[in-house]
């Protein structure tokens, strides 16, 4: 049961990242005050570059967390756990730092909490999905 709960949290967190690209390409609007721009990238490289970087970061985090959930469930090799979990969390935090207005504040805070919890569990506690009860 614990394994399923962890996998669902990782999966849901990953799927939540799709809202970033949906806003960038103007398919959905989660935060009406966000125009898809980055406080840093847009002024340095322009809106198009900012959009491309945003799409890549949000989609990478999404795929990484969904794959991490699959590792927890035993559907992908356990050796993928650390790179997927850590990489996805770091990419997610970078995306949030570059695009802090992409989501409502409560969603942003929740995402940061999940990202940090994953990093602490994997790097600090050396937690592995193989240690979870089924």
Protein backbone atom coordinates (compact mmCIF):
# COMPACT_ATOMS: atom_id res chain seq x y z
CA UNK A 1 0.00 0.00 0.00
CA UNK A 2 2.84 2.42 0.84
CA UNK A 3 4.42 1.72 -2.54
CA UNK A 4 1.17 2.64 -4.28
CA UNK A 5 0.79 5.87 -2.29
CA UNK A 6 4.37 6.95 -3.11
CA UNK A 7 3.86 6.08 -6.78
CA UNK A 8 0.59 8.03 -6.93
CA UNK A 9 2.20 11.11 -5.36
CA UNK A 10 5.09 10.99 -7.83
CA UNK A 11 2.74 10.37 -10.76
CA UNK A 12 0.38 13.20 -9.76
CA UNK A 13 3.29 15.57 -9.20
CA UNK A 14 4.62 14.67 -12.63
CA UNK A 15 1.29 15.12 -14.38
CA UNK A 16 0.90 18.49 -12.66
CA UNK A 17 3.91 19.73 -14.59
CA UNK A 18 1.94 19.48 -17.85
CA UNK A 19 0.11 22.65 -16.86
CA UNK A 20 3.27 24.67 -17.57
CA UNK A 21 3.51 23.68 -21.25
CA UNK A 22 -0.26 23.97 -21.69
CA UNK A 23 -0.04 27.59 -20.57
CA UNK A 24 3.03 28.33 -22.69
CA UNK A 25 1.31 27.13 -25.87
CA UNK A 26 -1.93 28.86 -24.79
CA UNK A 27 -4.03 25.70 -24.50
CA UNK A 28 -4.94 26.32 -20.85
CA UNK A 29 -4.65 29.13 -18.35
CA UNK A 30 -3.96 28.08 -14.78
CA UNK A 31 -2.69 31.43 -13.56
CA UNK A 32 -4.31 34.33 -15.43
CA UNK A 33 -1.50 36.69 -14.39
CA UNK A 34 1.19 34.61 -16.11
CA UNK A 35 1.90 35.22 -19.79
CA UNK A 36 4.40 32.36 -20.19
CA UNK A 37 7.41 34.53 -19.54
CA UNK A 38 10.40 34.01 -17.26
CA UNK A 39 11.60 36.80 -15.01
CA UNK A 40 15.16 35.98 -16.19
CA UNK A 41 15.05 34.25 -19.56
CA UNK A 42 12.59 36.54 -21.31
CA UNK A 43 14.64 39.66 -20.65
CA UNK A 44 17.93 37.95 -21.56
CA UNK A 45 17.00 35.72 -24.51
CA UNK A 46 13.50 36.79 -25.55
CA UNK A 47 10.03 35.30 -25.33
CA UNK A 48 10.59 32.50 -27.85
CA UNK A 49 13.70 31.19 -26.09
CA UNK A 50 11.92 31.50 -22.75
CA UNK A 51 8.98 29.48 -24.11
CA UNK A 52 11.26 26.76 -25.49
CA UNK A 53 13.21 26.45 -22.24
CA UNK A 54 9.97 26.39 -20.28
CA UNK A 55 8.52 23.65 -22.47
CA UNK A 56 11.65 21.53 -22.16
CA UNK A 57 11.89 21.94 -18.38
CA UNK A 58 8.21 21.31 -17.63
CA UNK A 59 8.03 18.29 -19.96
CA UNK A 60 11.30 16.82 -18.64
CA UNK A 61 10.05 17.08 -15.05
CA UNK A 62 6.72 15.54 -16.05
CA UNK A 63 8.28 12.57 -17.83
CA UNK A 64 10.85 12.09 -15.08
CA UNK A 65 8.32 11.96 -12.26
CA UNK A 66 5.97 9.67 -14.16
CA UNK A 67 8.92 7.36 -14.86
CA UNK A 68 9.94 7.58 -11.18
CA UNK A 69 6.46 6.37 -10.24
CA UNK A 70 6.93 3.45 -12.65
CA UNK A 71 10.24 2.60 -10.95
CA UNK A 72 8.52 2.59 -7.55
CA UNK A 73 5.89 0.19 -8.91
CA UNK A 74 8.61 -2.08 -10.28
CA UNK A 75 7.73 -1.46 -13.92
CA UNK A 76 11.11 0.10 -14.73
CA UNK A 77 14.58 -0.92 -13.48
CA UNK A 78 15.39 0.07 -9.90
CA UNK A 79 18.77 1.36 -11.07
CA UNK A 80 16.94 4.25 -12.75
CA UNK A 81 15.56 5.50 -9.42
CA UNK A 82 18.26 7.91 -8.27
CA UNK A 83 18.88 9.64 -11.62
CA UNK A 84 15.16 9.95 -12.35
CA UNK A 85 14.06 11.11 -8.91
CA UNK A 86 16.94 13.53 -8.35
CA UNK A 87 16.99 14.80 -11.94
CA UNK A 88 13.24 15.37 -12.01
CA UNK A 89 13.29 17.22 -8.70
CA UNK A 90 16.17 19.46 -9.74
CA UNK A 91 14.60 20.22 -13.12
CA UNK A 92 11.28 20.97 -11.43
CA UNK A 93 12.95 23.35 -8.96
CA UNK A 94 14.82 25.11 -11.77
CA UNK A 95 11.57 25.49 -13.73
CA UNK A 96 9.81 26.88 -10.67
CA UNK A 97 12.70 29.29 -10.02
CA UNK A 98 12.65 30.54 -13.62
CA UNK A 99 8.86 30.64 -13.93
CA UNK A 100 7.59 31.33 -10.38
CA UNK A 101 4.31 32.83 -11.60
CA UNK A 102 3.37 29.81 -13.72
CA UNK A 103 1.06 28.37 -11.08
CA UNK A 104 -0.96 29.74 -8.17
CA UNK A 105 1.19 30.22 -5.04
CA UNK A 106 -0.29 27.22 -3.22
CA UNK A 107 0.53 24.92 -6.14
CA UNK A 108 4.04 26.32 -6.37
CA UNK A 109 4.62 25.80 -2.64
CA UNK A 110 3.25 22.26 -2.84
CA UNK A 111 5.48 21.44 -5.80
CA UNK A 112 8.56 22.78 -4.01
CA UNK A 113 7.70 20.70 -0.93
CA UNK A 114 7.39 17.51 -3.00
CA UNK A 115 10.63 18.26 -4.87
CA UNK A 116 12.55 18.87 -1.65
CA UNK A 117 11.00 15.81 0.03
CA UNK A 118 12.14 13.64 -2.88
CA UNK A 119 15.68 15.08 -2.71
CA UNK A 120 15.87 14.57 1.05
CA UNK A 121 14.52 11.02 0.79
CA UNK A 122 16.85 10.00 -2.04
CA UNK A 123 20.03 11.91 -1.24
CA UNK A 124 19.76 12.48 2.49
CA UNK A 125 18.07 9.29 3.65
CA UNK A 126 19.35 7.12 0.79
CA UNK A 127 15.80 5.84 0.37
CA UNK A 128 15.15 3.34 -2.41
CA UNK A 129 11.80 2.06 -3.67
CA UNK A 130 12.94 -1.52 -3.08
CA UNK A 131 12.78 -0.76 0.67
CA UNK A 132 9.03 -0.13 0.55
CA UNK A 133 6.50 -2.72 1.55
CA UNK A 134 4.24 -3.78 -1.29
